[in-house]
N, C-alpha and C. Protein backbone atom coordinates (compact mmCIF):
# COMPACT_ATOMS: atom_id res chain seq x y z
N MET A 1 0.84 -1.16 0.00
CA MET A 1 0.00 0.00 0.00
C MET A 1 0.89 1.23 0.00
N GLY A 2 0.46 2.27 -0.67
CA GLY A 2 1.25 3.48 -0.72
C GLY A 2 0.39 4.71 -0.79
N ALA A 3 1.06 5.84 -0.69
CA ALA A 3 0.36 7.12 -0.77
C ALA A 3 1.30 8.16 -1.36
N VAL A 4 0.74 9.09 -2.10
CA VAL A 4 1.47 10.25 -2.59
C VAL A 4 0.62 11.47 -2.26
N ALA A 5 1.28 12.61 -2.07
CA ALA A 5 0.54 13.80 -1.71
C ALA A 5 1.24 15.06 -2.18
N ARG A 6 0.43 16.09 -2.39
CA ARG A 6 0.92 17.44 -2.67
C ARG A 6 0.24 18.35 -1.67
N ASP A 7 1.02 19.09 -0.89
CA ASP A 7 0.41 19.97 0.10
C ASP A 7 0.08 21.34 -0.50
N CYS A 8 -0.52 22.21 0.30
CA CYS A 8 -0.97 23.51 -0.20
C CYS A 8 0.19 24.41 -0.62
N ASP A 9 1.41 24.10 -0.21
CA ASP A 9 2.59 24.86 -0.63
C ASP A 9 3.27 24.25 -1.86
N GLY A 10 2.72 23.14 -2.37
CA GLY A 10 3.28 22.49 -3.55
C GLY A 10 4.35 21.45 -3.25
N ASN A 11 4.58 21.15 -1.98
CA ASN A 11 5.56 20.12 -1.63
C ASN A 11 4.98 18.75 -1.92
N LEU A 12 5.83 17.87 -2.45
CA LEU A 12 5.41 16.52 -2.81
C LEU A 12 6.01 15.50 -1.86
N ALA A 13 5.26 14.43 -1.57
CA ALA A 13 5.74 13.37 -0.68
C ALA A 13 5.22 12.03 -1.17
N ALA A 14 6.00 10.97 -0.90
CA ALA A 14 5.59 9.61 -1.24
C ALA A 14 5.91 8.69 -0.07
N ALA A 15 5.05 7.70 0.14
CA ALA A 15 5.26 6.70 1.18
C ALA A 15 4.76 5.37 0.64
N THR A 16 5.48 4.31 0.94
CA THR A 16 5.10 2.98 0.45
C THR A 16 5.34 1.97 1.55
N SER A 17 4.35 1.11 1.82
CA SER A 17 4.50 0.08 2.85
C SER A 17 5.34 -1.07 2.30
N THR A 18 5.76 -1.92 3.18
CA THR A 18 6.53 -3.09 2.76
C THR A 18 5.69 -4.34 2.94
N GLY A 19 4.45 -4.27 2.51
CA GLY A 19 3.53 -5.39 2.65
C GLY A 19 4.02 -6.67 2.01
N GLY A 20 4.66 -6.57 0.88
CA GLY A 20 5.22 -7.74 0.23
C GLY A 20 4.19 -8.58 -0.50
N MET A 21 4.66 -9.67 -1.07
CA MET A 21 3.82 -10.57 -1.86
C MET A 21 3.46 -11.80 -1.04
N THR A 22 2.30 -12.35 -1.30
CA THR A 22 1.87 -13.57 -0.63
C THR A 22 2.83 -14.70 -1.00
N GLY A 23 3.26 -15.47 -0.03
CA GLY A 23 4.14 -16.60 -0.27
C GLY A 23 5.57 -16.22 -0.58
N LYS A 24 5.98 -15.02 -0.20
CA LYS A 24 7.34 -14.57 -0.50
C LYS A 24 8.36 -15.38 0.30
N ILE A 25 9.57 -15.40 -0.18
CA ILE A 25 10.66 -16.09 0.49
C ILE A 25 11.01 -15.31 1.75
N PRO A 26 11.20 -15.98 2.89
CA PRO A 26 11.57 -15.26 4.12
C PRO A 26 12.84 -14.43 3.90
N GLY A 27 12.82 -13.21 4.39
CA GLY A 27 13.98 -12.33 4.25
C GLY A 27 14.01 -11.53 2.97
N ARG A 28 13.05 -11.78 2.09
CA ARG A 28 13.01 -11.06 0.81
C ARG A 28 12.80 -9.58 1.04
N VAL A 29 13.54 -8.75 0.32
CA VAL A 29 13.37 -7.31 0.36
C VAL A 29 12.75 -6.89 -0.96
N GLY A 30 11.63 -6.19 -0.87
CA GLY A 30 10.96 -5.74 -2.08
C GLY A 30 11.43 -4.35 -2.50
N ASP A 31 10.72 -3.79 -3.47
CA ASP A 31 11.09 -2.48 -4.00
C ASP A 31 10.66 -1.33 -3.11
N SER A 32 9.67 -1.56 -2.25
CA SER A 32 9.08 -0.47 -1.48
C SER A 32 10.08 0.36 -0.69
N PRO A 33 11.01 -0.26 0.05
CA PRO A 33 11.94 0.57 0.83
C PRO A 33 13.11 1.11 0.00
N ILE A 34 13.18 0.78 -1.26
CA ILE A 34 14.28 1.22 -2.11
C ILE A 34 13.88 2.53 -2.80
N ILE A 35 14.49 3.64 -2.35
CA ILE A 35 14.19 4.93 -2.95
C ILE A 35 14.61 4.90 -4.42
N GLY A 36 13.70 5.29 -5.29
CA GLY A 36 13.97 5.29 -6.73
C GLY A 36 13.35 4.08 -7.42
N ALA A 37 13.12 3.02 -6.69
CA ALA A 37 12.49 1.84 -7.28
C ALA A 37 10.99 1.86 -7.02
N GLY A 38 10.61 1.81 -5.74
CA GLY A 38 9.19 1.78 -5.39
C GLY A 38 8.67 3.04 -4.76
N THR A 39 9.55 3.96 -4.40
CA THR A 39 9.15 5.20 -3.74
C THR A 39 10.08 6.32 -4.18
N TYR A 40 9.51 7.47 -4.52
CA TYR A 40 10.35 8.61 -4.88
C TYR A 40 9.51 9.87 -4.89
N ALA A 41 10.10 10.98 -4.47
CA ALA A 41 9.42 12.28 -4.56
C ALA A 41 10.46 13.36 -4.76
N HIS A 42 10.16 14.29 -5.64
CA HIS A 42 11.02 15.45 -5.90
C HIS A 42 10.10 16.60 -6.26
N ASN A 43 10.21 17.70 -5.55
CA ASN A 43 9.30 18.82 -5.77
C ASN A 43 9.32 19.36 -7.20
N ALA A 44 10.40 19.18 -7.92
CA ALA A 44 10.48 19.68 -9.29
C ALA A 44 9.91 18.70 -10.31
N ALA A 45 9.43 17.55 -9.84
CA ALA A 45 8.94 16.54 -10.78
C ALA A 45 7.59 15.97 -10.33
N CYS A 46 7.62 15.01 -9.39
CA CYS A 46 6.42 14.30 -8.98
C CYS A 46 6.72 13.46 -7.75
N ALA A 47 5.68 12.82 -7.22
CA ALA A 47 5.80 11.83 -6.16
C ALA A 47 5.25 10.52 -6.71
N VAL A 48 5.93 9.41 -6.40
CA VAL A 48 5.56 8.10 -6.94
C VAL A 48 5.59 7.05 -5.84
N SER A 49 4.58 6.18 -5.81
CA SER A 49 4.57 5.01 -4.95
C SER A 49 4.15 3.83 -5.83
N ALA A 50 4.92 2.74 -5.76
CA ALA A 50 4.71 1.61 -6.66
C ALA A 50 4.23 0.35 -5.93
N THR A 51 3.63 -0.53 -6.72
CA THR A 51 3.26 -1.86 -6.23
C THR A 51 3.45 -2.86 -7.37
N GLY A 52 3.87 -4.05 -7.03
CA GLY A 52 4.05 -5.07 -8.07
C GLY A 52 5.24 -5.96 -7.78
N HIS A 53 5.82 -6.53 -8.83
CA HIS A 53 6.99 -7.41 -8.71
C HIS A 53 8.22 -6.55 -8.47
N GLY A 54 8.56 -6.40 -7.20
CA GLY A 54 9.59 -5.47 -6.78
C GLY A 54 10.94 -5.63 -7.44
N GLU A 55 11.34 -6.87 -7.71
CA GLU A 55 12.66 -7.06 -8.32
C GLU A 55 12.75 -6.34 -9.66
N MET A 56 11.69 -6.37 -10.44
CA MET A 56 11.69 -5.68 -11.73
C MET A 56 11.65 -4.17 -11.54
N PHE A 57 10.94 -3.71 -10.53
CA PHE A 57 10.88 -2.28 -10.25
C PHE A 57 12.26 -1.77 -9.84
N MET A 58 13.02 -2.60 -9.10
CA MET A 58 14.37 -2.22 -8.71
C MET A 58 15.30 -2.17 -9.92
N ARG A 59 15.23 -3.17 -10.77
CA ARG A 59 16.11 -3.22 -11.95
C ARG A 59 15.86 -2.04 -12.88
N TYR A 60 14.62 -1.61 -12.98
CA TYR A 60 14.26 -0.56 -13.91
C TYR A 60 14.26 0.83 -13.24
N GLY A 61 14.33 0.88 -11.91
CA GLY A 61 14.29 2.16 -11.21
C GLY A 61 13.02 2.93 -11.54
N VAL A 62 11.89 2.24 -11.47
CA VAL A 62 10.62 2.76 -11.97
C VAL A 62 10.26 4.14 -11.42
N ALA A 63 10.28 4.30 -10.12
CA ALA A 63 9.84 5.57 -9.53
C ALA A 63 10.74 6.73 -9.98
N PHE A 64 12.05 6.52 -9.95
CA PHE A 64 12.97 7.56 -10.38
C PHE A 64 12.85 7.82 -11.89
N GLU A 65 12.67 6.77 -12.67
CA GLU A 65 12.57 6.91 -14.12
C GLU A 65 11.38 7.79 -14.51
N ILE A 66 10.26 7.61 -13.82
CA ILE A 66 9.09 8.45 -14.09
C ILE A 66 9.43 9.90 -13.78
N ALA A 67 10.00 10.14 -12.61
CA ALA A 67 10.34 11.51 -12.22
C ALA A 67 11.36 12.12 -13.16
N ALA A 68 12.34 11.34 -13.62
CA ALA A 68 13.36 11.86 -14.53
C ALA A 68 12.75 12.28 -15.86
N ARG A 69 11.79 11.52 -16.35
CA ARG A 69 11.15 11.88 -17.61
C ARG A 69 10.32 13.16 -17.48
N VAL A 70 9.75 13.36 -16.32
CA VAL A 70 9.00 14.60 -16.08
C VAL A 70 9.98 15.77 -15.96
N ARG A 71 10.97 15.60 -15.12
CA ARG A 71 11.89 16.70 -14.81
C ARG A 71 12.85 17.03 -15.94
N HIS A 72 13.44 16.01 -16.56
CA HIS A 72 14.50 16.25 -17.54
C HIS A 72 14.02 16.23 -18.98
N ALA A 73 13.01 15.42 -19.27
CA ALA A 73 12.51 15.36 -20.65
C ALA A 73 11.29 16.25 -20.85
N GLY A 74 10.74 16.77 -19.77
CA GLY A 74 9.59 17.67 -19.88
C GLY A 74 8.29 16.99 -20.24
N LEU A 75 8.22 15.67 -20.02
CA LEU A 75 6.97 14.95 -20.34
C LEU A 75 5.90 15.24 -19.30
N PRO A 76 4.65 15.25 -19.72
CA PRO A 76 3.56 15.32 -18.74
C PRO A 76 3.60 14.07 -17.86
N LEU A 77 3.23 14.21 -16.61
CA LEU A 77 3.31 13.09 -15.67
C LEU A 77 2.56 11.86 -16.17
N ASP A 78 1.34 12.02 -16.64
CA ASP A 78 0.55 10.88 -17.09
C ASP A 78 1.27 10.13 -18.22
N GLU A 79 1.83 10.87 -19.16
CA GLU A 79 2.55 10.25 -20.28
C GLU A 79 3.79 9.52 -19.80
N ALA A 80 4.56 10.14 -18.93
CA ALA A 80 5.78 9.51 -18.41
C ALA A 80 5.45 8.24 -17.64
N ALA A 81 4.46 8.31 -16.76
CA ALA A 81 4.10 7.15 -15.94
C ALA A 81 3.57 6.00 -16.79
N ARG A 82 2.71 6.30 -17.75
CA ARG A 82 2.18 5.24 -18.62
C ARG A 82 3.29 4.59 -19.44
N ALA A 83 4.19 5.39 -19.96
CA ALA A 83 5.28 4.84 -20.78
C ALA A 83 6.19 3.93 -19.97
N VAL A 84 6.55 4.35 -18.77
CA VAL A 84 7.44 3.53 -17.94
C VAL A 84 6.76 2.23 -17.55
N ILE A 85 5.50 2.27 -17.17
CA ILE A 85 4.80 1.04 -16.80
C ILE A 85 4.64 0.12 -18.01
N ALA A 86 4.40 0.67 -19.19
CA ALA A 86 4.32 -0.14 -20.41
C ALA A 86 5.67 -0.79 -20.72
N GLU A 87 6.75 -0.03 -20.60
CA GLU A 87 8.09 -0.59 -20.85
C GLU A 87 8.44 -1.66 -19.83
N LEU A 88 8.07 -1.44 -18.58
CA LEU A 88 8.29 -2.44 -17.53
C LEU A 88 7.60 -3.75 -17.91
N GLY A 89 6.38 -3.66 -18.43
CA GLY A 89 5.65 -4.85 -18.87
C GLY A 89 6.38 -5.58 -19.97
N GLY A 90 7.08 -4.85 -20.84
CA GLY A 90 7.85 -5.47 -21.91
C GLY A 90 9.01 -6.31 -21.40
N PHE A 91 9.46 -6.01 -20.18
CA PHE A 91 10.54 -6.78 -19.56
C PHE A 91 10.00 -7.85 -18.62
N GLY A 92 8.68 -8.00 -18.57
CA GLY A 92 8.06 -9.00 -17.71
C GLY A 92 7.65 -8.48 -16.35
N GLY A 93 7.83 -7.20 -16.08
CA GLY A 93 7.44 -6.62 -14.80
C GLY A 93 5.96 -6.31 -14.76
N ARG A 94 5.31 -6.68 -13.68
CA ARG A 94 3.87 -6.46 -13.53
C ARG A 94 3.62 -5.59 -12.31
N GLY A 95 2.73 -4.63 -12.46
CA GLY A 95 2.37 -3.78 -11.34
C GLY A 95 1.88 -2.43 -11.80
N GLY A 96 1.99 -1.46 -10.92
CA GLY A 96 1.54 -0.12 -11.25
C GLY A 96 2.05 0.89 -10.25
N VAL A 97 1.67 2.14 -10.49
CA VAL A 97 2.09 3.23 -9.62
C VAL A 97 0.94 4.19 -9.37
N ILE A 98 1.03 4.87 -8.25
CA ILE A 98 0.20 6.03 -8.02
C ILE A 98 1.15 7.21 -7.99
N THR A 99 0.78 8.29 -8.65
CA THR A 99 1.66 9.44 -8.74
C THR A 99 0.85 10.72 -8.60
N VAL A 100 1.53 11.78 -8.20
CA VAL A 100 0.94 13.11 -8.20
C VAL A 100 2.03 14.07 -8.66
N GLY A 101 1.62 15.02 -9.50
CA GLY A 101 2.58 15.97 -10.04
C GLY A 101 2.54 17.32 -9.36
N ARG A 102 3.33 18.24 -9.88
CA ARG A 102 3.44 19.58 -9.30
C ARG A 102 2.12 20.34 -9.31
N THR A 103 1.24 20.02 -10.26
CA THR A 103 -0.06 20.71 -10.32
C THR A 103 -1.10 20.06 -9.41
N GLY A 104 -0.78 18.89 -8.86
CA GLY A 104 -1.73 18.15 -8.02
C GLY A 104 -2.52 17.12 -8.78
N ALA A 105 -2.31 17.02 -10.09
CA ALA A 105 -3.03 16.01 -10.90
C ALA A 105 -2.42 14.63 -10.68
N PRO A 106 -3.27 13.62 -10.46
CA PRO A 106 -2.75 12.26 -10.28
C PRO A 106 -2.63 11.51 -11.60
N ALA A 107 -1.79 10.48 -11.59
CA ALA A 107 -1.72 9.50 -12.68
C ALA A 107 -1.57 8.15 -12.00
N LEU A 108 -2.34 7.15 -12.43
CA LEU A 108 -2.37 5.87 -11.74
C LEU A 108 -2.31 4.70 -12.73
N PRO A 109 -1.30 4.61 -13.57
CA PRO A 109 -1.25 3.53 -14.57
C PRO A 109 -0.80 2.19 -13.97
N PHE A 110 -1.27 1.12 -14.59
CA PHE A 110 -0.86 -0.23 -14.19
C PHE A 110 -0.95 -1.15 -15.39
N ASN A 111 -0.24 -2.26 -15.34
CA ASN A 111 -0.25 -3.21 -16.46
C ASN A 111 -0.74 -4.58 -16.02
N THR A 112 -1.61 -4.60 -15.03
CA THR A 112 -2.20 -5.82 -14.52
C THR A 112 -3.72 -5.75 -14.73
N ALA A 113 -4.41 -6.85 -14.41
CA ALA A 113 -5.87 -6.86 -14.59
C ALA A 113 -6.55 -5.82 -13.71
N GLY A 114 -5.98 -5.54 -12.57
CA GLY A 114 -6.55 -4.56 -11.65
C GLY A 114 -5.52 -4.07 -10.67
N MET A 115 -5.82 -2.95 -10.04
CA MET A 115 -4.96 -2.39 -9.00
C MET A 115 -5.85 -1.54 -8.11
N TYR A 116 -5.85 -1.83 -6.81
CA TYR A 116 -6.59 -1.00 -5.88
C TYR A 116 -5.98 0.40 -5.91
N ARG A 117 -6.86 1.41 -6.09
CA ARG A 117 -6.34 2.77 -6.16
C ARG A 117 -7.44 3.77 -5.86
N GLY A 118 -7.01 4.93 -5.48
CA GLY A 118 -7.95 5.99 -5.19
C GLY A 118 -7.22 7.31 -5.04
N TYR A 119 -7.98 8.38 -5.13
CA TYR A 119 -7.40 9.69 -4.91
C TYR A 119 -8.49 10.67 -4.50
N VAL A 120 -8.04 11.76 -3.90
CA VAL A 120 -8.92 12.85 -3.50
C VAL A 120 -8.27 14.14 -4.02
N LEU A 121 -9.06 14.94 -4.71
CA LEU A 121 -8.57 16.23 -5.20
C LEU A 121 -9.03 17.34 -4.24
N ALA A 122 -8.66 18.56 -4.54
CA ALA A 122 -8.98 19.70 -3.69
C ALA A 122 -10.49 19.87 -3.47
N ASP A 123 -11.30 19.37 -4.41
CA ASP A 123 -12.75 19.51 -4.26
C ASP A 123 -13.33 18.55 -3.21
N GLY A 124 -12.51 17.64 -2.69
CA GLY A 124 -12.93 16.73 -1.64
C GLY A 124 -13.62 15.47 -2.11
N LYS A 125 -13.85 15.32 -3.41
CA LYS A 125 -14.49 14.11 -3.93
C LYS A 125 -13.50 12.95 -3.91
N ILE A 126 -13.98 11.78 -3.48
CA ILE A 126 -13.16 10.59 -3.41
C ILE A 126 -13.38 9.76 -4.67
N HIS A 127 -12.29 9.39 -5.32
CA HIS A 127 -12.33 8.59 -6.54
C HIS A 127 -11.64 7.25 -6.24
N THR A 128 -12.32 6.13 -6.49
CA THR A 128 -11.74 4.81 -6.24
C THR A 128 -12.00 3.87 -7.40
N ALA A 129 -11.15 2.86 -7.54
CA ALA A 129 -11.34 1.83 -8.56
C ALA A 129 -10.46 0.63 -8.23
N ILE A 130 -10.79 -0.50 -8.80
CA ILE A 130 -9.97 -1.70 -8.67
C ILE A 130 -9.60 -2.21 -10.06
N TRP A 131 -10.57 -2.48 -10.88
CA TRP A 131 -10.33 -3.05 -12.20
C TRP A 131 -10.06 -1.93 -13.20
N ASN A 132 -9.96 -2.27 -14.42
CA ASN A 132 -9.67 -1.30 -15.47
C ASN A 132 -10.95 -0.61 -15.93
N GLU A 133 -11.67 0.00 -14.95
CA GLU A 133 -12.92 0.68 -15.25
C GLU A 133 -12.75 2.16 -14.95
N PRO A 134 -13.69 2.96 -15.38
CA PRO A 134 -13.61 4.39 -15.04
C PRO A 134 -13.67 4.57 -13.52
N TYR A 135 -13.08 5.62 -13.04
CA TYR A 135 -13.08 5.90 -11.62
C TYR A 135 -14.49 6.17 -11.12
N GLN A 136 -14.79 5.68 -9.93
CA GLN A 136 -16.05 5.98 -9.28
C GLN A 136 -15.86 7.29 -8.52
N VAL A 137 -16.81 8.15 -8.59
CA VAL A 137 -16.72 9.42 -7.88
C VAL A 137 -17.75 9.40 -6.76
N TRP A 138 -17.32 9.65 -5.53
CA TRP A 138 -18.20 9.60 -4.36
C TRP A 138 -18.48 11.01 -3.90
């Protein structure tokens, strides 16, 4: 489980739990505690929290790669996040990310059948989804 946030001053933050995978090998370290793989935030780019097959996220540096494309290549966050998750899938990596950019807009791409996700914008409406369906607005 993870969270990303942008505060009223524009500061970005990311946090990711180390829940791990069911049936994991004892002592296994996933991507979550690895800054740049499963968690990353930089005020000039975005905040990212990842979930999925951590070993692939570590090899690809998913969270940092998304931020680098935003910061250095000038890509919109949604485009950068979708491209990195698609490329990860090409290497056999499965999972997704939740992200928030400097403007406060979220991007939540994944390459699996579903991913638990949600967000709240400044208007206070809660948006949630699991499968590849449109977001529910509460």
